[in-house]
PDB file of N, CA and C in Angstrom:
ATOM      1  N   UNK A   1      70.678  96.669  93.055  1.00  0.00           N
ATOM      2  CA  UNK A   1      69.403  97.003  92.482  1.00  0.00           C
ATOM      3  C   UNK A   1      68.296  96.545  93.461  1.00  0.00           C
ATOM      4  N   UNK A   2      67.295  97.356  93.682  1.00  0.00           N
ATOM      5  CA  UNK A   2      66.229  96.980  94.599  1.00  0.00           C
ATOM      6  C   UNK A   2      64.913  97.008  93.831  1.00  0.00           C
ATOM      7  N   UNK A   3      64.071  96.045  94.107  1.00  0.00           N
ATOM      8  CA  UNK A   3      62.798  95.952  93.471  1.00  0.00           C
ATOM      9  C   UNK A   3      61.711  96.309  94.487  1.00  0.00           C
ATOM     10  N   UNK A   4      60.879  97.328  94.187  1.00  0.00           N
ATOM     11  CA  UNK A   4      59.710  97.657  94.961  1.00  0.00           C
ATOM     12  C   UNK A   4      58.504  97.292  94.180  1.00  0.00           C
ATOM     13  N   UNK A   5      57.309  97.532  94.709  1.00  0.00           N
ATOM     14  CA  UNK A   5      56.137  97.174  94.023  1.00  0.00           C
ATOM     15  C   UNK A   5      56.034  98.067  92.796  1.00  0.00           C
ATOM     16  N   UNK A   6      56.217  97.516  91.624  1.00  0.00           N
ATOM     17  CA  UNK A   6      56.094  98.289  90.398  1.00  0.00           C
ATOM     18  C   UNK A   6      57.251  99.303  90.138  1.00  0.00           C
ATOM     19  N   UNK A   7      58.294  99.323  90.984  1.00  0.00           N
ATOM     20  CA  UNK A   7      59.347 100.282  90.806  1.00  0.00           C
ATOM     21  C   UNK A   7      60.742  99.587  90.833  1.00  0.00           C
ATOM     22  N   UNK A   8      61.612 100.159  90.134  1.00  0.00           N
ATOM     23  CA  UNK A   8      63.012  99.693  90.157  1.00  0.00           C
ATOM     24  C   UNK A   8      63.878 100.778  90.817  1.00  0.00           C
ATOM     25  N   UNK A   9      64.575 100.449  91.854  1.00  0.00           N
ATOM     26  CA  UNK A   9      65.489 101.346  92.532  1.00  0.00           C
ATOM     27  C   UNK A   9      66.883 100.816  92.432  1.00  0.00           C
ATOM     28  N   UNK A  10      67.738 101.652  92.074  1.00  0.00           N
ATOM     29  CA  UNK A  10      69.143 101.184  91.950  1.00  0.00           C
ATOM     30  C   UNK A  10      70.081 102.388  92.280  1.00  0.00           C
ATOM     31  N   UNK A  11      71.270 102.064  92.677  1.00  0.00           N
ATOM     32  CA  UNK A  11      72.224 103.049  93.036  1.00  0.00           C
ATOM     33  C   UNK A  11      73.552 102.780  92.286  1.00  0.00           C
ATOM     34  N   UNK A  12      73.829 103.680  91.361  1.00  0.00           N
ATOM     35  CA  UNK A  12      75.054 103.454  90.558  1.00  0.00           C
ATOM     36  C   UNK A  12      75.529 104.799  90.090  1.00  0.00           C
ATOM     37  N   UNK A  13      76.854 104.840  89.719  1.00  0.00           N
ATOM     38  CA  UNK A  13      77.340 106.055  89.064  1.00  0.00           C
ATOM     39  C   UNK A  13      76.609 106.246  87.763  1.00  0.00           C
ATOM     40  N   UNK A  14      76.544 107.588  87.305  1.00  0.00           N
ATOM     41  CA  UNK A  14      75.825 107.889  86.087  1.00  0.00           C
ATOM     42  C   UNK A  14      76.372 107.078  84.871  1.00  0.00           C
ATOM     43  N   UNK A  15      77.693 106.952  84.724  1.00  0.00           N
ATOM     44  CA  UNK A  15      78.131 106.172  83.544  1.00  0.00           C
ATOM     45  C   UNK A  15      77.658 104.704  83.552  1.00  0.00           C
ATOM     46  N   UNK A  16      77.527 104.115  84.722  1.00  0.00           N
ATOM     47  CA  UNK A  16      77.015 102.759  84.802  1.00  0.00           C
ATOM     48  C   UNK A  16      75.510 102.720  84.432  1.00  0.00           C
ATOM     49  N   UNK A  17      74.763 103.755  84.841  1.00  0.00           N
ATOM     50  CA  UNK A  17      73.335 103.774  84.493  1.00  0.00           C
ATOM     51  C   UNK A  17      73.223 103.862  82.991  1.00  0.00           C
ATOM     52  N   UNK A  18      74.021 104.716  82.342  1.00  0.00           N
ATOM     53  CA  UNK A  18      73.956 104.838  80.860  1.00  0.00           C
ATOM     54  C   UNK A  18      74.450 103.635  80.219  1.00  0.00           C
ATOM     55  N   UNK A  19      75.632 103.147  80.552  1.00  0.00           N
ATOM     56  CA  UNK A  19      76.255 101.972  79.832  1.00  0.00           C
ATOM     57  C   UNK A  19      75.455 100.710  79.892  1.00  0.00           C
ATOM     58  N   UNK A  20      74.626 100.598  80.959  1.00  0.00           N
ATOM     59  CA  UNK A  20      73.778  99.408  81.122  1.00  0.00           C
ATOM     60  C   UNK A  20      72.318  99.623  80.769  1.00  0.00           C
ATOM     61  N   UNK A  21      72.059 100.762  80.053  1.00  0.00           N
ATOM     62  CA  UNK A  21      70.747 101.072  79.529  1.00  0.00           C
ATOM     63  C   UNK A  21      69.711 101.064  80.582  1.00  0.00           C
ATOM     64  N   UNK A  22      70.001 101.422  81.833  1.00  0.00           N
ATOM     65  CA  UNK A  22      69.016 101.432  82.912  1.00  0.00           C
ATOM     66  C   UNK A  22      67.950 102.462  82.631  1.00  0.00           C
ATOM     67  N   UNK A  23      68.251 103.430  81.771  1.00  0.00           N
ATOM     68  CA  UNK A  23      67.221 104.433  81.454  1.00  0.00           C
ATOM     69  C   UNK A  23      65.981 103.795  80.731  1.00  0.00           C
ATOM     70  N   UNK A  24      66.192 102.584  80.217  1.00  0.00           N
ATOM     71  CA  UNK A  24      65.134 101.845  79.552  1.00  0.00           C
ATOM     72  C   UNK A  24      64.057 101.347  80.479  1.00  0.00           C
ATOM     73  N   UNK A  25      64.488 101.144  81.756  1.00  0.00           N
ATOM     74  CA  UNK A  25      63.554 100.562  82.752  1.00  0.00           C
ATOM     75  C   UNK A  25      63.336 101.498  83.992  1.00  0.00           C
ATOM     76  N   UNK A  26      63.992 102.604  83.982  1.00  0.00           N
ATOM     77  CA  UNK A  26      63.911 103.522  85.094  1.00  0.00           C
ATOM     78  C   UNK A  26      63.666 104.943  84.596  1.00  0.00           C
ATOM     79  N   UNK A  27      62.708 105.590  85.160  1.00  0.00           N
ATOM     80  CA  UNK A  27      62.341 106.884  84.652  1.00  0.00           C
ATOM     81  C   UNK A  27      62.983 108.081  85.378  1.00  0.00           C
ATOM     82  N   UNK A  28      63.509 107.865  86.583  1.00  0.00           N
ATOM     83  CA  UNK A  28      63.990 108.939  87.434  1.00  0.00           C
ATOM     84  C   UNK A  28      65.422 108.723  87.854  1.00  0.00           C
ATOM     85  N   UNK A  29      66.136 109.817  87.939  1.00  0.00           N
ATOM     86  CA  UNK A  29      67.471 109.812  88.418  1.00  0.00           C
ATOM     87  C   UNK A  29      67.658 110.982  89.398  1.00  0.00           C
ATOM     88  N   UNK A  30      67.979 110.670  90.679  1.00  0.00           N
ATOM     89  CA  UNK A  30      68.246 111.759  91.620  1.00  0.00           C
ATOM     90  C   UNK A  30      69.710 111.871  91.846  1.00  0.00           C
ATOM     91  N   UNK A  31      70.237 112.986  91.539  1.00  0.00           N
ATOM     92  CA  UNK A  31      71.670 113.221  91.734  1.00  0.00           C
ATOM     93  C   UNK A  31      71.952 113.733  93.107  1.00  0.00           C
ATOM     94  N   UNK A  32      72.510 112.870  93.930  1.00  0.00           N
ATOM     95  CA  UNK A  32      72.702 113.189  95.334  1.00  0.00           C
ATOM     96  C   UNK A  32      74.195 113.309  95.722  1.00  0.00           C
ATOM     97  N   UNK A  33      75.061 112.800  94.883  1.00  0.00           N
ATOM     98  CA  UNK A  33      76.446 112.903  95.146  1.00  0.00           C
ATOM     99  C   UNK A  33      76.871 112.391  96.541  1.00  0.00           C
ATOM    100  N   UNK A  34      76.173 111.408  97.011  1.00  0.00           N
ATOM    101  CA  UNK A  34      76.391 110.927  98.423  1.00  0.00           C
ATOM    102  C   UNK A  34      77.557 109.975  98.547  1.00  0.00           C
ATOM    103  N   UNK A  35      78.131 109.533  97.435  1.00  0.00           N
ATOM    104  CA  UNK A  35      79.253 108.599  97.529  1.00  0.00           C
ATOM    105  C   UNK A  35      80.080 108.754  96.288  1.00  0.00           C
ATOM    106  N   UNK A  36      81.378 108.599  96.482  1.00  0.00           N
ATOM    107  CA  UNK A  36      82.248 108.538  95.316  1.00  0.00           C
ATOM    108  C   UNK A  36      83.008 107.145  95.482  1.00  0.00           C
ATOM    109  N   UNK A  37      82.774 106.317  94.524  1.00  0.00           N
ATOM    110  CA  UNK A  37      83.408 104.969  94.613  1.00  0.00           C
ATOM    111  C   UNK A  37      84.664 104.924  93.687  1.00  0.00           C
ATOM    112  N   UNK A  38      85.729 105.402  94.255  1.00  0.00           N
ATOM    113  CA  UNK A  38      87.002 105.346  93.489  1.00  0.00           C
ATOM    114  C   UNK A  38      87.560 103.967  93.452  1.00  0.00           C
ATOM    115  N   UNK A  39      88.435 103.743  92.531  1.00  0.00           N
ATOM    116  CA  UNK A  39      89.100 102.450  92.442  1.00  0.00           C
ATOM    117  C   UNK A  39      90.446 102.572  93.206  1.00  0.00           C
ATOM    118  N   UNK A  40      90.707 101.620  94.023  1.00  0.00           N
ATOM    119  CA  UNK A  40      91.979 101.605  94.761  1.00  0.00           C
ATOM    120  C   UNK A  40      93.096 101.010  93.950  1.00  0.00           C
ATOM    121  N   UNK A  41      94.216 101.684  94.085  1.00  0.00           N
ATOM    122  CA  UNK A  41      95.430 101.094  93.518  1.00  0.00           C
ATOM    123  C   UNK A  41      96.199 100.401  94.622  1.00  0.00           C
ATOM    124  N   UNK A  42      96.438  99.172  94.428  1.00  0.00           N
ATOM    125  CA  UNK A  42      97.140  98.419  95.471  1.00  0.00           C
ATOM    126  C   UNK A  42      98.339  97.634  94.903  1.00  0.00           C
ATOM    127  N   UNK A  43      99.282  97.451  95.752  1.00  0.00           N
ATOM    128  CA  UNK A  43     100.458  96.628  95.404  1.00  0.00           C
ATOM    129  C   UNK A  43     100.919  96.012  96.698  1.00  0.00           C
ATOM    130  N   UNK A  44     101.307  94.750  96.648  1.00  0.00           N
ATOM    131  CA  UNK A  44     101.726  94.044  97.845  1.00  0.00           C
ATOM    132  C   UNK A  44     103.094  94.601  98.341  1.00  0.00           C
ATOM    133  N   UNK A  45     103.257  94.586  99.609  1.00  0.00           N
ATOM    134  CA  UNK A  45     104.532  95.111 100.147  1.00  0.00           C
ATOM    135  C   UNK A  45     105.721  94.315  99.653  1.00  0.00           C
ATOM    136  N   UNK A  46     105.563  93.027  99.477  1.00  0.00           N
ATOM    137  CA  UNK A  46     106.681  92.226  98.964  1.00  0.00           C
ATOM    138  C   UNK A  46     107.046  92.606  97.560  1.00  0.00           C
ATOM    139  N   UNK A  47     106.072  92.871  96.692  1.00  0.00           N
ATOM    140  CA  UNK A  47     106.352  93.339  95.320  1.00  0.00           C
ATOM    141  C   UNK A  47     106.931  94.724  95.347  1.00  0.00           C
ATOM    142  N   UNK A  48     106.381  95.594  96.157  1.00  0.00           N
ATOM    143  CA  UNK A  48     106.844  97.015  96.258  1.00  0.00           C
ATOM    144  C   UNK A  48     108.329  96.999  96.659  1.00  0.00           C
ATOM    145  N   UNK A  49     108.693  96.137  97.641  1.00  0.00           N
ATOM    146  CA  UNK A  49     110.077  96.122  98.161  1.00  0.00           C
ATOM    147  C   UNK A  49     111.035  95.590  97.118  1.00  0.00           C
ATOM    148  N   UNK A  50     110.562  94.858  96.155  1.00  0.00           N
ATOM    149  CA  UNK A  50     111.473  94.332  95.109  1.00  0.00           C
ATOM    150  C   UNK A  50     111.831  95.432  94.113  1.00  0.00           C
ATOM    151  N   UNK A  51     111.041  96.504  94.020  1.00  0.00           N
ATOM    152  CA  UNK A  51     111.338  97.571  93.074  1.00  0.00           C
ATOM    153  C   UNK A  51     112.421  98.425  93.546  1.00  0.00           C
ATOM    154  N   UNK A  52     113.107  98.967  92.598  1.00  0.00           N
ATOM    155  CA  UNK A  52     114.189  99.934  92.928  1.00  0.00           C
ATOM    156  C   UNK A  52     113.494 101.226  93.323  1.00  0.00           C
ATOM    157  N   UNK A  53     114.264 102.165  93.917  1.00  0.00           N
ATOM    158  CA  UNK A  53     113.688 103.450  94.322  1.00  0.00           C
ATOM    159  C   UNK A  53     113.168 104.171  93.052  1.00  0.00           C
ATOM    160  N   UNK A  54     113.895 104.064  91.958  1.00  0.00           N
ATOM    161  CA  UNK A  54     113.471 104.745  90.694  1.00  0.00           C
ATOM    162  C   UNK A  54     112.145 104.104  90.212  1.00  0.00           C
ATOM    163  N   UNK A  55     112.053 102.762  90.282  1.00  0.00           N
ATOM    164  CA  UNK A  55     110.815 102.131  89.879  1.00  0.00           C
ATOM    165  C   UNK A  55     109.597 102.529  90.809  1.00  0.00           C
ATOM    166  N   UNK A  56     109.921 102.596  92.133  1.00  0.00           N
ATOM    167  CA  UNK A  56     108.878 103.014  93.070  1.00  0.00           C
ATOM    168  C   UNK A  56     108.368 104.375  92.721  1.00  0.00           C
ATOM    169  N   UNK A  57     109.237 105.286  92.371  1.00  0.00           N
ATOM    170  CA  UNK A  57     108.890 106.610  92.045  1.00  0.00           C
ATOM    171  C   UNK A  57     108.024 106.693  90.794  1.00  0.00           C
ATOM    172  N   UNK A  58     108.393 105.860  89.799  1.00  0.00           N
ATOM    173  CA  UNK A  58     107.610 105.766  88.546  1.00  0.00           C
ATOM    174  C   UNK A  58     106.190 105.277  88.875  1.00  0.00           C
ATOM    175  N   UNK A  59     106.113 104.245  89.640  1.00  0.00           N
ATOM    176  CA  UNK A  59     104.806 103.644  89.986  1.00  0.00           C
ATOM    177  C   UNK A  59     103.962 104.676  90.787  1.00  0.00           C
ATOM    178  N   UNK A  60     104.599 105.302  91.743  1.00  0.00           N
ATOM    179  CA  UNK A  60     103.905 106.307  92.639  1.00  0.00           C
ATOM    180  C   UNK A  60     103.352 107.454  91.767  1.00  0.00           C
ATOM    181  N   UNK A  61     104.209 107.962  90.895  1.00  0.00           N
ATOM    182  CA  UNK A  61     103.778 109.057  90.022  1.00  0.00           C
ATOM    183  C   UNK A  61     102.657 108.652  89.014  1.00  0.00           C
ATOM    184  N   UNK A  62     102.807 107.412  88.520  1.00  0.00           N
ATOM    185  CA  UNK A  62     101.766 106.937  87.590  1.00  0.00           C
ATOM    186  C   UNK A  62     100.431 106.723  88.348  1.00  0.00           C
ATOM    187  N   UNK A  63     100.477 106.285  89.559  1.00  0.00           N
ATOM    188  CA  UNK A  63      99.300 106.079  90.362  1.00  0.00           C
ATOM    189  C   UNK A  63      98.589 107.408  90.605  1.00  0.00           C
ATOM    190  N   UNK A  64      99.354 108.445  90.951  1.00  0.00           N
ATOM    191  CA  UNK A  64      98.788 109.770  91.239  1.00  0.00           C
ATOM    192  C   UNK A  64      98.181 110.340  89.915  1.00  0.00           C
ATOM    193  N   UNK A  65      98.909 110.206  88.822  1.00  0.00           N
ATOM    194  CA  UNK A  65      98.397 110.756  87.550  1.00  0.00           C
ATOM    195  C   UNK A  65      97.138 110.018  87.118  1.00  0.00           C
ATOM    196  N   UNK A  66      97.085 108.661  87.291  1.00  0.00           N
ATOM    197  CA  UNK A  66      95.902 107.943  86.895  1.00  0.00           C
ATOM    198  C   UNK A  66      94.697 108.293  87.770  1.00  0.00           C
ATOM    199  N   UNK A  67      94.955 108.546  89.045  1.00  0.00           N
ATOM    200  CA  UNK A  67      93.845 108.968  89.934  1.00  0.00           C
ATOM    201  C   UNK A  67      93.285 110.319  89.463  1.00  0.00           C
ATOM    202  N   UNK A  68      94.149 111.239  89.142  1.00  0.00           N
ATOM    203  CA  UNK A  68      93.702 112.552  88.680  1.00  0.00           C
ATOM    204  C   UNK A  68      92.923 112.381  87.360  1.00  0.00           C
ATOM    205  N   UNK A  69      93.443 111.547  86.403  1.00  0.00           N
ATOM    206  CA  UNK A  69      92.779 111.363  85.129  1.00  0.00           C
ATOM    207  C   UNK A  69      91.432 110.693  85.308  1.00  0.00           C
ATOM    208  N   UNK A  70      91.354 109.733  86.228  1.00  0.00           N
ATOM    209  CA  UNK A  70      90.140 109.076  86.509  1.00  0.00           C
ATOM    210  C   UNK A  70      89.047 109.996  87.113  1.00  0.00           C
ATOM    211  N   UNK A  71      89.424 110.849  88.053  1.00  0.00           N
ATOM    212  CA  UNK A  71      88.493 111.810  88.595  1.00  0.00           C
ATOM    213  C   UNK A  71      87.979 112.784  87.514  1.00  0.00           C
ATOM    214  N   UNK A  72      88.889 113.242  86.692  1.00  0.00           N
ATOM    215  CA  UNK A  72      88.531 114.139  85.598  1.00  0.00           C
ATOM    216  C   UNK A  72      87.573 113.483  84.640  1.00  0.00           C
ATOM    217  N   UNK A  73      87.895 112.295  84.230  1.00  0.00           N
ATOM    218  CA  UNK A  73      87.062 111.551  83.225  1.00  0.00           C
ATOM    219  C   UNK A  73      85.716 111.243  83.823  1.00  0.00           C
ATOM    220  N   UNK A  74      85.694 110.836  85.121  1.00  0.00           N
ATOM    221  CA  UNK A  74      84.442 110.532  85.804  1.00  0.00           C
ATOM    222  C   UNK A  74      83.514 111.757  85.803  1.00  0.00           C
ATOM    223  N   UNK A  75      84.140 112.905  86.172  1.00  0.00           N
ATOM    224  CA  UNK A  75      83.308 114.151  86.236  1.00  0.00           C
ATOM    225  C   UNK A  75      82.800 114.518  84.842  1.00  0.00           C
ATOM    226  N   UNK A  76      83.650 114.438  83.856  1.00  0.00           N
ATOM    227  CA  UNK A  76      83.236 114.828  82.502  1.00  0.00           C
ATOM    228  C   UNK A  76      82.168 113.869  81.988  1.00  0.00           C
ATOM    229  N   UNK A  77      82.306 112.589  82.239  1.00  0.00           N
ATOM    230  CA  UNK A  77      81.301 111.586  81.733  1.00  0.00           C
ATOM    231  C   UNK A  77      79.968 111.871  82.463  1.00  0.00           C
ATOM    232  N   UNK A  78      80.042 112.047  83.777  1.00  0.00           N
ATOM    233  CA  UNK A  78      78.847 112.229  84.597  1.00  0.00           C
ATOM    234  C   UNK A  78      78.089 113.484  84.067  1.00  0.00           C
ATOM    235  N   UNK A  79      78.774 114.557  83.897  1.00  0.00           N
ATOM    236  CA  UNK A  79      78.124 115.781  83.440  1.00  0.00           C
ATOM    237  C   UNK A  79      77.520 115.607  82.034  1.00  0.00           C
ATOM    238  N   UNK A  80      78.181 114.999  81.123  1.00  0.00           N
ATOM    239  CA  UNK A  80      77.705 114.865  79.797  1.00  0.00           C
ATOM    240  C   UNK A  80      76.536 113.807  79.699  1.00  0.00           C
ATOM    241  N   UNK A  81      76.705 112.738  80.461  1.00  0.00           N
ATOM    242  CA  UNK A  81      75.716 111.668  80.413  1.00  0.00           C
ATOM    243  C   UNK A  81      74.397 112.009  81.099  1.00  0.00           C
ATOM    244  N   UNK A  82      74.476 112.900  82.054  1.00  0.00           N
ATOM    245  CA  UNK A  82      73.205 113.374  82.660  1.00  0.00           C
ATOM    246  C   UNK A  82      72.341 113.983  81.570  1.00  0.00           C
ATOM    247  N   UNK A  83      72.932 114.815  80.727  1.00  0.00           N
ATOM    248  CA  UNK A  83      72.195 115.377  79.601  1.00  0.00           C
ATOM    249  C   UNK A  83      71.671 114.331  78.685  1.00  0.00           C
ATOM    250  N   UNK A  84      72.520 113.351  78.360  1.00  0.00           N
ATOM    251  CA  UNK A  84      72.117 112.265  77.472  1.00  0.00           C
ATOM    252  C   UNK A  84      70.929 111.500  78.057  1.00  0.00           C
ATOM    253  N   UNK A  85      71.025 111.202  79.389  1.00  0.00           N
ATOM    254  CA  UNK A  85      69.931 110.458  80.016  1.00  0.00           C
ATOM    255  C   UNK A  85      68.653 111.277  80.000  1.00  0.00           C
ATOM    256  N   UNK A  86      68.736 112.577  80.105  1.00  0.00           N
ATOM    257  CA  UNK A  86      67.578 113.435  80.038  1.00  0.00           C
ATOM    258  C   UNK A  86      66.961 113.303  78.647  1.00  0.00           C
ATOM    259  N   UNK A  87      67.865 113.398  77.637  1.00  0.00           N
ATOM    260  CA  UNK A  87      67.347 113.251  76.240  1.00  0.00           C
ATOM    261  C   UNK A  87      66.707 111.907  76.022  1.00  0.00           C
ATOM    262  N   UNK A  88      67.123 110.863  76.762  1.00  0.00           N
ATOM    263  CA  UNK A  88      66.532 109.568  76.586  1.00  0.00           C
ATOM    264  C   UNK A  88      65.246 109.397  77.355  1.00  0.00           C
ATOM    265  N   UNK A  89      64.850 110.479  78.085  1.00  0.00           N
ATOM    266  CA  UNK A  89      63.522 110.426  78.730  1.00  0.00           C
ATOM    267  C   UNK A  89      63.597 110.365  80.237  1.00  0.00           C
ATOM    268  N   UNK A  90      64.711 110.241  80.817  1.00  0.00           N
ATOM    269  CA  UNK A  90      64.792 110.241  82.289  1.00  0.00           C
ATOM    270  C   UNK A  90      64.496 111.609  82.864  1.00  0.00           C
ATOM    271  N   UNK A  91      63.823 111.623  83.968  1.00  0.00           N
ATOM    272  CA  UNK A  91      63.613 112.889  84.718  1.00  0.00           C
ATOM    273  C   UNK A  91      64.780 112.948  85.686  1.00  0.00           C
ATOM    274  N   UNK A  92      65.546 114.049  85.571  1.00  0.00           N
ATOM    275  CA  UNK A  92      66.714 114.237  86.424  1.00  0.00           C
ATOM    276  C   UNK A  92      66.353 115.146  87.585  1.00  0.00           C
ATOM    277  N   UNK A  93      66.506 114.608  88.812  1.00  0.00           N
ATOM    278  CA  UNK A  93      66.210 115.403  89.997  1.00  0.00           C
ATOM    279  C   UNK A  93      67.502 115.801  90.655  1.00  0.00           C
ATOM    280  N   UNK A  94      67.647 117.062  91.011  1.00  0.00           N
ATOM    281  CA  UNK A  94      68.819 117.525  91.724  1.00  0.00           C
ATOM    282  C   UNK A  94      68.376 118.248  92.994  1.00  0.00           C
ATOM    283  N   UNK A  95      68.175 117.347  94.058  1.00  0.00           N
ATOM    284  CA  UNK A  95      67.629 117.942  95.280  1.00  0.00           C
ATOM    285  C   UNK A  95      68.642 118.826  96.003  1.00  0.00           C
ATOM    286  N   UNK A  96      68.073 119.716  96.805  1.00  0.00           N
ATOM    287  CA  UNK A  96      68.904 120.542  97.672  1.00  0.00           C
ATOM    288  C   UNK A  96      69.618 119.602  98.682  1.00  0.00           C
ATOM    289  N   UNK A  97      70.920 119.568  98.666  1.00  0.00           N
ATOM    290  CA  UNK A  97      71.587 118.665  99.528  1.00  0.00           C
ATOM    291  C   UNK A  97      71.977 119.201 100.954  1.00  0.00           C
ATOM    292  N   UNK A  98      71.740 120.465 101.116  1.00  0.00           N
ATOM    293  CA  UNK A  98      72.035 121.065 102.432  1.00  0.00           C
ATOM    294  C   UNK A  98      71.283 120.436 103.565  1.00  0.00           C
ATOM    295  N   UNK A  99      69.980 120.180 103.427  1.00  0.00           N
ATOM    296  CA  UNK A  99      69.269 119.508 104.525  1.00  0.00           C
ATOM    297  C   UNK A  99      69.814 118.179 104.879  1.00  0.00           C
ATOM    298  N   UNK A 100      70.242 117.404 103.885  1.00  0.00           N
ATOM    299  CA  UNK A 100      70.871 116.088 104.113  1.00  0.00           C
ATOM    300  C   UNK A 100      72.195 116.227 104.889  1.00  0.00           C
ATOM    301  N   UNK A 101      72.977 117.208 104.509  1.00  0.00           N
ATOM    302  CA  UNK A 101      74.244 117.470 105.193  1.00  0.00           C
ATOM    303  C   UNK A 101      74.006 117.846 106.617  1.00  0.00           C
ATOM    304  N   UNK A 102      73.007 118.685 106.850  1.00  0.00           N
ATOM    305  CA  UNK A 102      72.704 119.113 108.223  1.00  0.00           C
ATOM    306  C   UNK A 102      72.196 117.925 109.062  1.00  0.00           C
ATOM    307  N   UNK A 103      71.379 117.116 108.448  1.00  0.00           N
ATOM    308  CA  UNK A 103      70.820 115.900 109.176  1.00  0.00           C
ATOM    309  C   UNK A 103      71.905 114.906 109.521  1.00  0.00           C
ATOM    310  N   UNK A 104      72.943 114.867 108.805  1.00  0.00           N
ATOM    311  CA  UNK A 104      74.006 113.817 109.077  1.00  0.00           C
ATOM    312  C   UNK A 104      75.281 114.420 109.697  1.00  0.00           C
ATOM    313  N   UNK A 105      75.226 115.719 109.977  1.00  0.00           N
ATOM    314  CA  UNK A 105      76.431 116.378 110.552  1.00  0.00           C
ATOM    315  C   UNK A 105      76.924 115.671 111.781  1.00  0.00           C
ATOM    316  N   UNK A 106      76.013 115.208 112.665  1.00  0.00           N
ATOM    317  CA  UNK A 106      76.433 114.539 113.908  1.00  0.00           C
ATOM    318  C   UNK A 106      77.199 113.266 113.642  1.00  0.00           C
ATOM    319  N   UNK A 107      76.979 112.604 112.563  1.00  0.00           N
ATOM    320  CA  UNK A 107      77.769 111.415 112.218  1.00  0.00           C
ATOM    321  C   UNK A 107      79.237 111.816 112.042  1.00  0.00           C
ATOM    322  N   UNK A 108      79.451 112.883 111.304  1.00  0.00           N
ATOM    323  CA  UNK A 108      80.843 113.346 111.094  1.00  0.00           C
ATOM    324  C   UNK A 108      81.461 113.745 112.456  1.00  0.00           C
ATOM    325  N   UNK A 109      80.731 114.476 113.199  1.00  0.00           N
ATOM    326  CA  UNK A 109      81.248 114.979 114.447  1.00  0.00           C
ATOM    327  C   UNK A 109      81.517 113.843 115.452  1.00  0.00           C
ATOM    328  N   UNK A 110      80.641 112.911 115.497  1.00  0.00           N
ATOM    329  CA  UNK A 110      80.724 111.752 116.463  1.00  0.00           C
ATOM    330  C   UNK A 110      81.885 110.851 116.104  1.00  0.00           C
ATOM    331  N   UNK A 111      82.344 110.835 114.838  1.00  0.00           N
ATOM    332  CA  UNK A 111      83.375 109.990 114.379  1.00  0.00           C
ATOM    333  C   UNK A 111      84.697 110.704 114.040  1.00  0.00           C
ATOM    334  N   UNK A 112      84.720 111.969 114.354  1.00  0.00           N
ATOM    335  CA  UNK A 112      85.927 112.765 114.057  1.00  0.00           C
ATOM    336  C   UNK A 112      87.177 112.193 114.704  1.00  0.00           C
ATOM    337  N   UNK A 113      87.087 111.720 115.922  1.00  0.00           N
ATOM    338  CA  UNK A 113      88.266 111.189 116.653  1.00  0.00           C
ATOM    339  C   UNK A 113      88.739 109.910 115.970  1.00  0.00           C
ATOM    340  N   UNK A 114      87.835 109.164 115.404  1.00  0.00           N
ATOM    341  CA  UNK A 114      88.191 107.894 114.724  1.00  0.00           C
ATOM    342  C   UNK A 114      89.087 108.162 113.512  1.00  0.00           C
ATOM    343  N   UNK A 115      88.744 109.194 112.814  1.00  0.00           N
ATOM    344  CA  UNK A 115      89.420 109.501 111.523  1.00  0.00           C
ATOM    345  C   UNK A 115      90.571 110.524 111.691  1.00  0.00           C
ATOM    346  N   UNK A 116      90.705 111.163 112.824  1.00  0.00           N
ATOM    347  CA  UNK A 116      91.791 112.054 113.084  1.00  0.00           C
ATOM    348  C   UNK A 116      92.033 113.079 111.996  1.00  0.00           C
ATOM    349  N   UNK A 117      93.310 113.025 111.529  1.00  0.00           N
ATOM    350  CA  UNK A 117      93.744 114.036 110.511  1.00  0.00           C
ATOM    351  C   UNK A 117      92.900 113.974 109.259  1.00  0.00           C
ATOM    352  N   UNK A 118      92.408 112.771 108.883  1.00  0.00           N
ATOM    353  CA  UNK A 118      91.606 112.707 107.691  1.00  0.00           C
ATOM    354  C   UNK A 118      90.339 113.543 107.803  1.00  0.00           C
ATOM    355  N   UNK A 119      89.761 113.582 108.969  1.00  0.00           N
ATOM    356  CA  UNK A 119      88.553 114.403 109.211  1.00  0.00           C
ATOM    357  C   UNK A 119      88.883 115.859 109.043  1.00  0.00           C
ATOM    358  N   UNK A 120      90.002 116.303 109.614  1.00  0.00           N
ATOM    359  CA  UNK A 120      90.414 117.672 109.472  1.00  0.00           C
ATOM    360  C   UNK A 120      90.699 118.065 108.009  1.00  0.00           C
ATOM    361  N   UNK A 121      91.372 117.176 107.295  1.00  0.00           N
ATOM    362  CA  UNK A 121      91.653 117.403 105.852  1.00  0.00           C
ATOM    363  C   UNK A 121      90.358 117.494 105.080  1.00  0.00           C
ATOM    364  N   UNK A 122      89.436 116.607 105.407  1.00  0.00           N
ATOM    365  CA  UNK A 122      88.147 116.640 104.681  1.00  0.00           C
ATOM    366  C   UNK A 122      87.400 117.922 104.913  1.00  0.00           C
ATOM    367  N   UNK A 123      87.424 118.407 106.148  1.00  0.00           N
ATOM    368  CA  UNK A 123      86.681 119.649 106.480  1.00  0.00           C
ATOM    369  C   UNK A 123      87.386 120.830 105.784  1.00  0.00           C
ATOM    370  N   UNK A 124      88.723 120.825 105.684  1.00  0.00           N
ATOM    371  CA  UNK A 124      89.473 121.902 105.001  1.00  0.00           C
ATOM    372  C   UNK A 124      89.101 121.883 103.525  1.00  0.00           C
ATOM    373  N   UNK A 125      89.044 120.647 102.935  1.00  0.00           N
ATOM    374  CA  UNK A 125      88.688 120.566 101.512  1.00  0.00           C
ATOM    375  C   UNK A 125      87.293 121.051 101.278  1.00  0.00           C
ATOM    376  N   UNK A 126      86.335 120.682 102.164  1.00  0.00           N
ATOM    377  CA  UNK A 126      85.009 121.102 102.013  1.00  0.00           C
ATOM    378  C   UNK A 126      84.851 122.612 102.043  1.00  0.00           C
ATOM    379  N   UNK A 127      85.552 123.235 103.016  1.00  0.00           N
ATOM    380  CA  UNK A 127      85.479 124.688 103.126  1.00  0.00           C
ATOM    381  C   UNK A 127      86.108 125.404 101.934  1.00  0.00           C
ATOM    382  N   UNK A 128      87.108 124.811 101.294  1.00  0.00           N
ATOM    383  CA  UNK A 128      87.838 125.436 100.213  1.00  0.00           C
ATOM    384  C   UNK A 128      86.990 125.343  98.900  1.00  0.00           C
ATOM    385  N   UNK A 129      86.015 124.475  98.825  1.00  0.00           N
ATOM    386  CA  UNK A 129      85.225 124.285  97.625  1.00  0.00           C
ATOM    387  C   UNK A 129      84.350 125.466  97.349  1.00  0.00           C
TER     388      UNK A 129
END
């Protein structure tokens, strides 16, 4: 959360804004989709190695299923809560994101070699959308 002169600035997912009643102190919400803060599933190698192959498969499949469910729930909540926040008096701004993408394209290009295959996969995903 950032405080400016007479203004409150904060950056959070829409469900966090709603669940913490930030609409009570903040009048504007700009939907920029500039970050997705997923939760990482982690398990130590020593614990993983203690699991049987069947157990590892169960954990792997459950992790994939939970990631898919989390993304779906997050999308649904975000979409419905934007309407709710609007009803509560927030002004919802949905700026044209293309100029932002163009302005930061060089960041992607300059770091493509660092990310290797991940960069290529991200570009394929982007083009498929």
